[in-house]
Amino acid sequence: MQPDQISIRRPTAVFRPKESAPTFNLDRPIKGMKVGIRTDQFWRSWLDVADVWSDLLKKDGATPVVLRVGEQTGEEGQHTKDLVDAWAGSVDCAVVGLAN
């Protein structure tokens, strides 16, 4: 290499294949379905998103069933788990959060 030349190295890592979360398809129209939307008191922006989803579901003929849960641990956590279990058994499908 000459003194007035430089060598540029570009160590680029090999990227792994992009992984994504599984998606689900109802394979039927949403009209007439009971669609659960789970929210919690700590994620305030999701409450707004859940309201929008509820409105859109109603427009498409579905019945939104919103569940707002509280604490996840201790005695209150057990109560939350019981609520979620009962709610999950009462809906046809559910949205429990985005990017959770």
PDB file of N, CA and C in Angstrom:
ATOM      1  N   MET A   1       0.844  -1.163   0.000  1.00  0.00           N
ATOM      2  CA  MET A   1       0.000   0.000   0.000  1.00  0.00           C
ATOM      3  C   MET A   1       0.893   1.231   0.000  1.00  0.00           C
ATOM      4  N   GLN A   2       0.540   2.193  -0.802  1.00  0.00           N
ATOM      5  CA  GLN A   2       1.299   3.438  -0.909  1.00  0.00           C
ATOM      6  C   GLN A   2       1.015   4.323   0.317  1.00  0.00           C
ATOM      7  N   PRO A   3       1.970   5.196   0.693  1.00  0.00           N
ATOM      8  CA  PRO A   3       1.756   6.062   1.856  1.00  0.00           C
ATOM      9  C   PRO A   3       0.576   7.018   1.695  1.00  0.00           C
ATOM     10  N   ASP A   4       0.182   7.348   0.465  1.00  0.00           N
ATOM     11  CA  ASP A   4      -0.931   8.270   0.268  1.00  0.00           C
ATOM     12  C   ASP A   4      -2.252   7.535   0.008  1.00  0.00           C
ATOM     13  N   GLN A   5      -2.280   6.247   0.257  1.00  0.00           N
ATOM     14  CA  GLN A   5      -3.488   5.451   0.087  1.00  0.00           C
ATOM     15  C   GLN A   5      -3.990   4.986   1.447  1.00  0.00           C
ATOM     16  N   ILE A   6      -5.272   4.817   1.511  1.00  0.00           N
ATOM     17  CA  ILE A   6      -5.852   4.236   2.727  1.00  0.00           C
ATOM     18  C   ILE A   6      -6.638   2.994   2.333  1.00  0.00           C
ATOM     19  N   SER A   7      -6.829   2.139   3.270  1.00  0.00           N
ATOM     20  CA  SER A   7      -7.620   0.937   3.059  1.00  0.00           C
ATOM     21  C   SER A   7      -8.888   1.060   3.912  1.00  0.00           C
ATOM     22  N   ILE A   8      -9.990   0.927   3.269  1.00  0.00           N
ATOM     23  CA  ILE A   8     -11.264   1.014   3.989  1.00  0.00           C
ATOM     24  C   ILE A   8     -11.780  -0.397   4.190  1.00  0.00           C
ATOM     25  N   ARG A   9     -12.037  -0.703   5.424  1.00  0.00           N
ATOM     26  CA  ARG A   9     -12.577  -2.020   5.752  1.00  0.00           C
ATOM     27  C   ARG A   9     -14.026  -1.829   6.167  1.00  0.00           C
ATOM     28  N   ARG A  10     -14.799  -2.738   5.771  1.00  0.00           N
ATOM     29  CA  ARG A  10     -16.221  -2.646   6.085  1.00  0.00           C
ATOM     30  C   ARG A  10     -16.667  -3.966   6.705  1.00  0.00           C
ATOM     31  N   PRO A  11     -16.494  -4.096   7.989  1.00  0.00           N
ATOM     32  CA  PRO A  11     -16.915  -5.355   8.624  1.00  0.00           C
ATOM     33  C   PRO A  11     -18.423  -5.361   8.892  1.00  0.00           C
ATOM     34  N   THR A  12     -19.161  -5.873   7.956  1.00  0.00           N
ATOM     35  CA  THR A  12     -20.612  -5.936   8.098  1.00  0.00           C
ATOM     36  C   THR A  12     -20.996  -7.335   8.577  1.00  0.00           C
ATOM     37  N   ALA A  13     -21.766  -7.347   9.645  1.00  0.00           N
ATOM     38  CA  ALA A  13     -22.209  -8.632  10.186  1.00  0.00           C
ATOM     39  C   ALA A  13     -23.233  -9.268   9.247  1.00  0.00           C
ATOM     40  N   VAL A  14     -23.273 -10.557   9.265  1.00  0.00           N
ATOM     41  CA  VAL A  14     -24.284 -11.289   8.511  1.00  0.00           C
ATOM     42  C   VAL A  14     -25.569 -11.259   9.332  1.00  0.00           C
ATOM     43  N   PHE A  15     -26.627 -10.802   8.733  1.00  0.00           N
ATOM     44  CA  PHE A  15     -27.891 -10.701   9.448  1.00  0.00           C
ATOM     45  C   PHE A  15     -28.601 -12.038   9.481  1.00  0.00           C
ATOM     46  N   ARG A  16     -29.189 -12.320  10.625  1.00  0.00           N
ATOM     47  CA  ARG A  16     -30.002 -13.524  10.741  1.00  0.00           C
ATOM     48  C   ARG A  16     -31.310 -13.323   9.988  1.00  0.00           C
ATOM     49  N   PRO A  17     -31.943 -14.396   9.597  1.00  0.00           N
ATOM     50  CA  PRO A  17     -33.256 -14.255   8.952  1.00  0.00           C
ATOM     51  C   PRO A  17     -34.216 -13.551   9.912  1.00  0.00           C
ATOM     52  N   LYS A  18     -35.046 -12.706   9.360  1.00  0.00           N
ATOM     53  CA  LYS A  18     -35.992 -11.964  10.170  1.00  0.00           C
ATOM     54  C   LYS A  18     -37.045 -12.910  10.747  1.00  0.00           C
ATOM     55  N   GLU A  19     -37.231 -12.840  12.058  1.00  0.00           N
ATOM     56  CA  GLU A  19     -38.244 -13.648  12.717  1.00  0.00           C
ATOM     57  C   GLU A  19     -39.437 -12.760  13.017  1.00  0.00           C
ATOM     58  N   SER A  20     -40.594 -13.336  13.022  1.00  0.00           N
ATOM     59  CA  SER A  20     -41.779 -12.557  13.344  1.00  0.00           C
ATOM     60  C   SER A  20     -42.696 -13.377  14.241  1.00  0.00           C
ATOM     61  N   ALA A  21     -43.588 -12.678  14.881  1.00  0.00           N
ATOM     62  CA  ALA A  21     -44.554 -13.343  15.749  1.00  0.00           C
ATOM     63  C   ALA A  21     -45.562 -14.089  14.888  1.00  0.00           C
ATOM     64  N   PRO A  22     -46.115 -15.156  15.426  1.00  0.00           N
ATOM     65  CA  PRO A  22     -47.118 -15.883  14.650  1.00  0.00           C
ATOM     66  C   PRO A  22     -48.364 -15.020  14.435  1.00  0.00           C
ATOM     67  N   THR A  23     -49.014 -15.220  13.326  1.00  0.00           N
ATOM     68  CA  THR A  23     -50.271 -14.543  13.060  1.00  0.00           C
ATOM     69  C   THR A  23     -51.370 -15.588  12.976  1.00  0.00           C
ATOM     70  N   PHE A  24     -52.559 -15.144  13.154  1.00  0.00           N
ATOM     71  CA  PHE A  24     -53.687 -16.069  13.172  1.00  0.00           C
ATOM     72  C   PHE A  24     -54.766 -15.574  12.228  1.00  0.00           C
ATOM     73  N   ASN A  25     -55.451 -16.502  11.623  1.00  0.00           N
ATOM     74  CA  ASN A  25     -56.519 -16.196  10.694  1.00  0.00           C
ATOM     75  C   ASN A  25     -57.778 -16.876  11.196  1.00  0.00           C
ATOM     76  N   LEU A  26     -58.863 -16.127  11.268  1.00  0.00           N
ATOM     77  CA  LEU A  26     -60.118 -16.698  11.751  1.00  0.00           C
ATOM     78  C   LEU A  26     -60.756 -17.635  10.737  1.00  0.00           C
ATOM     79  N   ASP A  27     -60.424 -17.470   9.477  1.00  0.00           N
ATOM     80  CA  ASP A  27     -60.991 -18.285   8.391  1.00  0.00           C
ATOM     81  C   ASP A  27     -62.507 -18.201   8.325  1.00  0.00           C
ATOM     82  N   ARG A  28     -63.045 -17.085   8.764  1.00  0.00           N
ATOM     83  CA  ARG A  28     -64.480 -16.850   8.660  1.00  0.00           C
ATOM     84  C   ARG A  28     -64.730 -15.365   8.894  1.00  0.00           C
ATOM     85  N   PRO A  29     -65.872 -14.861   8.467  1.00  0.00           N
ATOM     86  CA  PRO A  29     -66.179 -13.452   8.709  1.00  0.00           C
ATOM     87  C   PRO A  29     -66.271 -13.160  10.209  1.00  0.00           C
ATOM     88  N   ILE A  30     -65.938 -11.952  10.580  1.00  0.00           N
ATOM     89  CA  ILE A  30     -65.949 -11.575  11.990  1.00  0.00           C
ATOM     90  C   ILE A  30     -67.362 -11.227  12.471  1.00  0.00           C
ATOM     91  N   LYS A  31     -68.252 -10.981  11.529  1.00  0.00           N
ATOM     92  CA  LYS A  31     -69.631 -10.640  11.869  1.00  0.00           C
ATOM     93  C   LYS A  31     -70.256 -11.728  12.740  1.00  0.00           C
ATOM     94  N   GLY A  32     -70.851 -11.313  13.838  1.00  0.00           N
ATOM     95  CA  GLY A  32     -71.511 -12.240  14.752  1.00  0.00           C
ATOM     96  C   GLY A  32     -70.593 -12.840  15.815  1.00  0.00           C
ATOM     97  N   MET A  33     -69.313 -12.574  15.728  1.00  0.00           N
ATOM     98  CA  MET A  33     -68.375 -13.132  16.705  1.00  0.00           C
ATOM     99  C   MET A  33     -68.254 -12.240  17.935  1.00  0.00           C
ATOM    100  N   LYS A  34     -67.949 -12.856  19.052  1.00  0.00           N
ATOM    101  CA  LYS A  34     -67.610 -12.130  20.274  1.00  0.00           C
ATOM    102  C   LYS A  34     -66.090 -12.028  20.325  1.00  0.00           C
ATOM    103  N   VAL A  35     -65.584 -10.796  20.235  1.00  0.00           N
ATOM    104  CA  VAL A  35     -64.145 -10.572  20.158  1.00  0.00           C
ATOM    105  C   VAL A  35     -63.679  -9.901  21.448  1.00  0.00           C
ATOM    106  N   GLY A  36     -62.827 -10.594  22.178  1.00  0.00           N
ATOM    107  CA  GLY A  36     -62.299 -10.049  23.416  1.00  0.00           C
ATOM    108  C   GLY A  36     -61.175  -9.064  23.161  1.00  0.00           C
ATOM    109  N   ILE A  37     -61.151  -8.017  23.960  1.00  0.00           N
ATOM    110  CA  ILE A  37     -60.046  -7.064  23.935  1.00  0.00           C
ATOM    111  C   ILE A  37     -59.599  -6.883  25.369  1.00  0.00           C
ATOM    112  N   ARG A  38     -58.389  -7.327  25.663  1.00  0.00           N
ATOM    113  CA  ARG A  38     -57.856  -7.254  27.027  1.00  0.00           C
ATOM    114  C   ARG A  38     -57.023  -5.992  27.182  1.00  0.00           C
ATOM    115  N   THR A  39     -57.332  -5.224  28.189  1.00  0.00           N
ATOM    116  CA  THR A  39     -56.569  -4.019  28.498  1.00  0.00           C
ATOM    117  C   THR A  39     -56.113  -4.104  29.952  1.00  0.00           C
ATOM    118  N   ASP A  40     -55.261  -3.190  30.347  1.00  0.00           N
ATOM    119  CA  ASP A  40     -54.923  -3.100  31.762  1.00  0.00           C
ATOM    120  C   ASP A  40     -54.753  -1.643  32.154  1.00  0.00           C
ATOM    121  N   GLN A  41     -54.784  -1.406  33.431  1.00  0.00           N
ATOM    122  CA  GLN A  41     -54.772  -0.032  33.935  1.00  0.00           C
ATOM    123  C   GLN A  41     -53.429   0.659  33.783  1.00  0.00           C
ATOM    124  N   PHE A  42     -52.388  -0.079  33.459  1.00  0.00           N
ATOM    125  CA  PHE A  42     -51.048   0.493  33.412  1.00  0.00           C
ATOM    126  C   PHE A  42     -50.617   0.946  32.021  1.00  0.00           C
ATOM    127  N   TRP A  43     -51.285   0.490  30.991  1.00  0.00           N
ATOM    128  CA  TRP A  43     -50.904   0.823  29.627  1.00  0.00           C
ATOM    129  C   TRP A  43     -51.980   1.723  29.046  1.00  0.00           C
ATOM    130  N   ARG A  44     -51.911   2.988  29.386  1.00  0.00           N
ATOM    131  CA  ARG A  44     -52.984   3.938  29.061  1.00  0.00           C
ATOM    132  C   ARG A  44     -53.192   4.111  27.557  1.00  0.00           C
ATOM    133  N   SER A  45     -52.129   4.101  26.773  1.00  0.00           N
ATOM    134  CA  SER A  45     -52.302   4.280  25.329  1.00  0.00           C
ATOM    135  C   SER A  45     -53.087   3.113  24.721  1.00  0.00           C
ATOM    136  N   TRP A  46     -52.936   1.921  25.292  1.00  0.00           N
ATOM    137  CA  TRP A  46     -53.667   0.756  24.776  1.00  0.00           C
ATOM    138  C   TRP A  46     -55.153   0.910  25.026  1.00  0.00           C
ATOM    139  N   LEU A  47     -55.553   1.657  26.062  1.00  0.00           N
ATOM    140  CA  LEU A  47     -56.970   1.909  26.306  1.00  0.00           C
ATOM    141  C   LEU A  47     -57.574   2.659  25.121  1.00  0.00           C
ATOM    142  N   ASP A  48     -56.840   3.636  24.594  1.00  0.00           N
ATOM    143  CA  ASP A  48     -57.310   4.377  23.427  1.00  0.00           C
ATOM    144  C   ASP A  48     -57.376   3.471  22.198  1.00  0.00           C
ATOM    145  N   VAL A  49     -56.359   2.653  22.010  1.00  0.00           N
ATOM    146  CA  VAL A  49     -56.348   1.723  20.879  1.00  0.00           C
ATOM    147  C   VAL A  49     -57.523   0.747  20.997  1.00  0.00           C
ATOM    148  N   ALA A  50     -57.777   0.256  22.192  1.00  0.00           N
ATOM    149  CA  ALA A  50     -58.879  -0.688  22.406  1.00  0.00           C
ATOM    150  C   ALA A  50     -60.228  -0.043  22.069  1.00  0.00           C
ATOM    151  N   ASP A  51     -60.385   1.231  22.368  1.00  0.00           N
ATOM    152  CA  ASP A  51     -61.625   1.932  22.009  1.00  0.00           C
ATOM    153  C   ASP A  51     -61.806   1.979  20.498  1.00  0.00           C
ATOM    154  N   VAL A  52     -60.729   2.247  19.783  1.00  0.00           N
ATOM    155  CA  VAL A  52     -60.799   2.293  18.324  1.00  0.00           C
ATOM    156  C   VAL A  52     -61.129   0.904  17.775  1.00  0.00           C
ATOM    157  N   TRP A  53     -60.461  -0.118  18.291  1.00  0.00           N
ATOM    158  CA  TRP A  53     -60.734  -1.495  17.850  1.00  0.00           C
ATOM    159  C   TRP A  53     -62.196  -1.853  18.122  1.00  0.00           C
ATOM    160  N   SER A  54     -62.698  -1.482  19.286  1.00  0.00           N
ATOM    161  CA  SER A  54     -64.101  -1.780  19.634  1.00  0.00           C
ATOM    162  C   SER A  54     -65.046  -1.167  18.613  1.00  0.00           C
ATOM    163  N   ASP A  55     -64.820   0.103  18.283  1.00  0.00           N
ATOM    164  CA  ASP A  55     -65.671   0.773  17.304  1.00  0.00           C
ATOM    165  C   ASP A  55     -65.607   0.083  15.947  1.00  0.00           C
ATOM    166  N   LEU A  56     -64.415  -0.277  15.511  1.00  0.00           N
ATOM    167  CA  LEU A  56     -64.258  -0.947  14.216  1.00  0.00           C
ATOM    168  C   LEU A  56     -64.912  -2.327  14.217  1.00  0.00           C
ATOM    169  N   LEU A  57     -64.780  -3.038  15.314  1.00  0.00           N
ATOM    170  CA  LEU A  57     -65.411  -4.360  15.413  1.00  0.00           C
ATOM    171  C   LEU A  57     -66.931  -4.248  15.345  1.00  0.00           C
ATOM    172  N   LYS A  58     -67.484  -3.261  16.046  1.00  0.00           N
ATOM    173  CA  LYS A  58     -68.936  -3.049  16.004  1.00  0.00           C
ATOM    174  C   LYS A  58     -69.401  -2.748  14.585  1.00  0.00           C
ATOM    175  N   LYS A  59     -68.637  -1.922  13.857  1.00  0.00           N
ATOM    176  CA  LYS A  59     -68.988  -1.595  12.471  1.00  0.00           C
ATOM    177  C   LYS A  59     -68.995  -2.832  11.593  1.00  0.00           C
ATOM    178  N   ASP A  60     -68.132  -3.807  11.919  1.00  0.00           N
ATOM    179  CA  ASP A  60     -68.058  -5.046  11.139  1.00  0.00           C
ATOM    180  C   ASP A  60     -69.017  -6.116  11.643  1.00  0.00           C
ATOM    181  N   GLY A  61     -69.858  -5.775  12.623  1.00  0.00           N
ATOM    182  CA  GLY A  61     -70.880  -6.713  13.090  1.00  0.00           C
ATOM    183  C   GLY A  61     -70.454  -7.629  14.219  1.00  0.00           C
ATOM    184  N   ALA A  62     -69.292  -7.405  14.794  1.00  0.00           N
ATOM    185  CA  ALA A  62     -68.834  -8.221  15.927  1.00  0.00           C
ATOM    186  C   ALA A  62     -69.257  -7.560  17.236  1.00  0.00           C
ATOM    187  N   THR A  63     -69.186  -8.330  18.297  1.00  0.00           N
ATOM    188  CA  THR A  63     -69.474  -7.813  19.630  1.00  0.00           C
ATOM    189  C   THR A  63     -68.181  -7.774  20.425  1.00  0.00           C
ATOM    190  N   PRO A  64     -67.647  -6.575  20.687  1.00  0.00           N
ATOM    191  CA  PRO A  64     -66.424  -6.501  21.489  1.00  0.00           C
ATOM    192  C   PRO A  64     -66.732  -6.775  22.958  1.00  0.00           C
ATOM    193  N   VAL A  65     -65.858  -7.542  23.584  1.00  0.00           N
ATOM    194  CA  VAL A  65     -65.982  -7.846  25.015  1.00  0.00           C
ATOM    195  C   VAL A  65     -64.672  -7.397  25.659  1.00  0.00           C
ATOM    196  N   VAL A  66     -64.694  -6.204  26.235  1.00  0.00           N
ATOM    197  CA  VAL A  66     -63.480  -5.603  26.781  1.00  0.00           C
ATOM    198  C   VAL A  66     -63.284  -6.034  28.222  1.00  0.00           C
ATOM    199  N   LEU A  67     -62.080  -6.444  28.537  1.00  0.00           N
ATOM    200  CA  LEU A  67     -61.715  -6.806  29.911  1.00  0.00           C
ATOM    201  C   LEU A  67     -60.546  -5.928  30.322  1.00  0.00           C
ATOM    202  N   ARG A  68     -60.730  -5.198  31.398  1.00  0.00           N
ATOM    203  CA  ARG A  68     -59.651  -4.362  31.940  1.00  0.00           C
ATOM    204  C   ARG A  68     -59.169  -5.010  33.224  1.00  0.00           C
ATOM    205  N   VAL A  69     -57.920  -5.441  33.215  1.00  0.00           N
ATOM    206  CA  VAL A  69     -57.373  -6.166  34.368  1.00  0.00           C
ATOM    207  C   VAL A  69     -56.514  -5.248  35.220  1.00  0.00           C
ATOM    208  N   GLY A  70     -56.211  -5.753  36.416  1.00  0.00           N
ATOM    209  CA  GLY A  70     -55.396  -4.983  37.349  1.00  0.00           C
ATOM    210  C   GLY A  70     -54.075  -5.661  37.632  1.00  0.00           C
ATOM    211  N   GLU A  71     -53.781  -5.823  38.871  1.00  0.00           N
ATOM    212  CA  GLU A  71     -52.497  -6.370  39.313  1.00  0.00           C
ATOM    213  C   GLU A  71     -52.268  -7.781  38.789  1.00  0.00           C
ATOM    214  N   GLN A  72     -50.996  -8.145  38.639  1.00  0.00           N
ATOM    215  CA  GLN A  72     -50.633  -9.453  38.101  1.00  0.00           C
ATOM    216  C   GLN A  72     -50.028 -10.378  39.154  1.00  0.00           C
ATOM    217  N   THR A  73     -49.836  -9.889  40.367  1.00  0.00           N
ATOM    218  CA  THR A  73     -49.190 -10.698  41.396  1.00  0.00           C
ATOM    219  C   THR A  73     -50.026 -10.712  42.668  1.00  0.00           C
ATOM    220  N   GLY A  74     -49.692 -11.662  43.523  1.00  0.00           N
ATOM    221  CA  GLY A  74     -50.337 -11.752  44.828  1.00  0.00           C
ATOM    222  C   GLY A  74     -51.805 -12.120  44.734  1.00  0.00           C
ATOM    223  N   GLU A  75     -52.544 -11.781  45.782  1.00  0.00           N
ATOM    224  CA  GLU A  75     -53.968 -12.106  45.850  1.00  0.00           C
ATOM    225  C   GLU A  75     -54.740 -11.433  44.717  1.00  0.00           C
ATOM    226  N   GLU A  76     -54.420 -10.173  44.455  1.00  0.00           N
ATOM    227  CA  GLU A  76     -55.060  -9.454  43.352  1.00  0.00           C
ATOM    228  C   GLU A  76     -54.719 -10.118  42.017  1.00  0.00           C
ATOM    229  N   GLY A  77     -53.507 -10.633  41.889  1.00  0.00           N
ATOM    230  CA  GLY A  77     -53.104 -11.324  40.670  1.00  0.00           C
ATOM    231  C   GLY A  77     -53.925 -12.579  40.436  1.00  0.00           C
ATOM    232  N   GLN A  78     -54.234 -13.295  41.487  1.00  0.00           N
ATOM    233  CA  GLN A  78     -55.077 -14.487  41.350  1.00  0.00           C
ATOM    234  C   GLN A  78     -56.474 -14.101  40.891  1.00  0.00           C
ATOM    235  N   HIS A  79     -56.976 -13.008  41.447  1.00  0.00           N
ATOM    236  CA  HIS A  79     -58.282 -12.506  41.016  1.00  0.00           C
ATOM    237  C   HIS A  79     -58.243 -12.149  39.525  1.00  0.00           C
ATOM    238  N   THR A  80     -57.175 -11.476  39.085  1.00  0.00           N
ATOM    239  CA  THR A  80     -57.000 -11.127  37.677  1.00  0.00           C
ATOM    240  C   THR A  80     -56.964 -12.380  36.815  1.00  0.00           C
ATOM    241  N   LYS A  81     -56.215 -13.393  37.259  1.00  0.00           N
ATOM    242  CA  LYS A  81     -56.129 -14.645  36.497  1.00  0.00           C
ATOM    243  C   LYS A  81     -57.500 -15.284  36.350  1.00  0.00           C
ATOM    244  N   ASP A  82     -58.275 -15.294  37.429  1.00  0.00           N
ATOM    245  CA  ASP A  82     -59.623 -15.871  37.375  1.00  0.00           C
ATOM    246  C   ASP A  82     -60.511 -15.105  36.394  1.00  0.00           C
ATOM    247  N   LEU A  83     -60.410 -13.767  36.408  1.00  0.00           N
ATOM    248  CA  LEU A  83     -61.179 -12.946  35.466  1.00  0.00           C
ATOM    249  C   LEU A  83     -60.797 -13.250  34.017  1.00  0.00           C
ATOM    250  N   VAL A  84     -59.485 -13.345  33.770  1.00  0.00           N
ATOM    251  CA  VAL A  84     -59.001 -13.614  32.410  1.00  0.00           C
ATOM    252  C   VAL A  84     -59.461 -14.997  31.948  1.00  0.00           C
ATOM    253  N   ASP A  85     -59.378 -15.983  32.815  1.00  0.00           N
ATOM    254  CA  ASP A  85     -59.811 -17.336  32.452  1.00  0.00           C
ATOM    255  C   ASP A  85     -61.295 -17.362  32.075  1.00  0.00           C
ATOM    256  N   ALA A  86     -62.128 -16.708  32.879  1.00  0.00           N
ATOM    257  CA  ALA A  86     -63.567 -16.670  32.591  1.00  0.00           C
ATOM    258  C   ALA A  86     -63.838 -15.913  31.295  1.00  0.00           C
ATOM    259  N   TRP A  87     -63.159 -14.785  31.117  1.00  0.00           N
ATOM    260  CA  TRP A  87     -63.324 -13.971  29.911  1.00  0.00           C
ATOM    261  C   TRP A  87     -62.896 -14.743  28.670  1.00  0.00           C
ATOM    262  N   ALA A  88     -61.751 -15.425  28.740  1.00  0.00           N
ATOM    263  CA  ALA A  88     -61.236 -16.184  27.590  1.00  0.00           C
ATOM    264  C   ALA A  88     -62.217 -17.267  27.163  1.00  0.00           C
ATOM    265  N   GLY A  89     -62.911 -17.838  28.123  1.00  0.00           N
ATOM    266  CA  GLY A  89     -63.897 -18.874  27.794  1.00  0.00           C
ATOM    267  C   GLY A  89     -65.189 -18.327  27.233  1.00  0.00           C
ATOM    268  N   SER A  90     -65.372 -17.008  27.282  1.00  0.00           N
ATOM    269  CA  SER A  90     -66.635 -16.414  26.833  1.00  0.00           C
ATOM    270  C   SER A  90     -66.549 -15.742  25.474  1.00  0.00           C
ATOM    271  N   VAL A  91     -65.360 -15.730  24.849  1.00  0.00           N
ATOM    272  CA  VAL A  91     -65.198 -15.052  23.560  1.00  0.00           C
ATOM    273  C   VAL A  91     -64.746 -16.040  22.491  1.00  0.00           C
ATOM    274  N   ASP A  92     -64.981 -15.664  21.242  1.00  0.00           N
ATOM    275  CA  ASP A  92     -64.571 -16.522  20.120  1.00  0.00           C
ATOM    276  C   ASP A  92     -63.095 -16.350  19.779  1.00  0.00           C
ATOM    277  N   CYS A  93     -62.589 -15.147  19.975  1.00  0.00           N
ATOM    278  CA  CYS A  93     -61.184 -14.835  19.739  1.00  0.00           C
ATOM    279  C   CYS A  93     -60.874 -13.577  20.535  1.00  0.00           C
ATOM    280  N   ALA A  94     -59.611 -13.217  20.632  1.00  0.00           N
ATOM    281  CA  ALA A  94     -59.263 -12.054  21.441  1.00  0.00           C
ATOM    282  C   ALA A  94     -57.999 -11.376  20.955  1.00  0.00           C
ATOM    283  N   VAL A  95     -57.923 -10.079  21.259  1.00  0.00           N
ATOM    284  CA  VAL A  95     -56.719  -9.276  21.067  1.00  0.00           C
ATOM    285  C   VAL A  95     -56.262  -8.922  22.473  1.00  0.00           C
ATOM    286  N   VAL A  96     -55.052  -9.317  22.816  1.00  0.00           N
ATOM    287  CA  VAL A  96     -54.591  -9.096  24.187  1.00  0.00           C
ATOM    288  C   VAL A  96     -53.488  -8.051  24.275  1.00  0.00           C
ATOM    289  N   GLY A  97     -53.159  -7.423  23.186  1.00  0.00           N
ATOM    290  CA  GLY A  97     -52.130  -6.386  23.183  1.00  0.00           C
ATOM    291  C   GLY A  97     -51.306  -6.472  21.926  1.00  0.00           C
ATOM    292  N   LEU A  98     -50.631  -5.413  21.653  1.00  0.00           N
ATOM    293  CA  LEU A  98     -49.759  -5.383  20.493  1.00  0.00           C
ATOM    294  C   LEU A  98     -48.327  -5.268  20.983  1.00  0.00           C
ATOM    295  N   ALA A  99     -47.461  -6.127  20.472  1.00  0.00           N
ATOM    296  CA  ALA A  99     -46.044  -6.121  20.823  1.00  0.00           C
ATOM    297  C   ALA A  99     -45.815  -6.430  22.277  1.00  0.00           C
ATOM    298  N   ASN A 100     -46.663  -7.238  22.865  1.00  0.00           N
ATOM    299  CA  ASN A 100     -46.473  -7.662  24.258  1.00  0.00           C
ATOM    300  C   ASN A 100     -45.556  -8.852  24.321  1.00  0.00           C
TER     301      ASN A 100
END
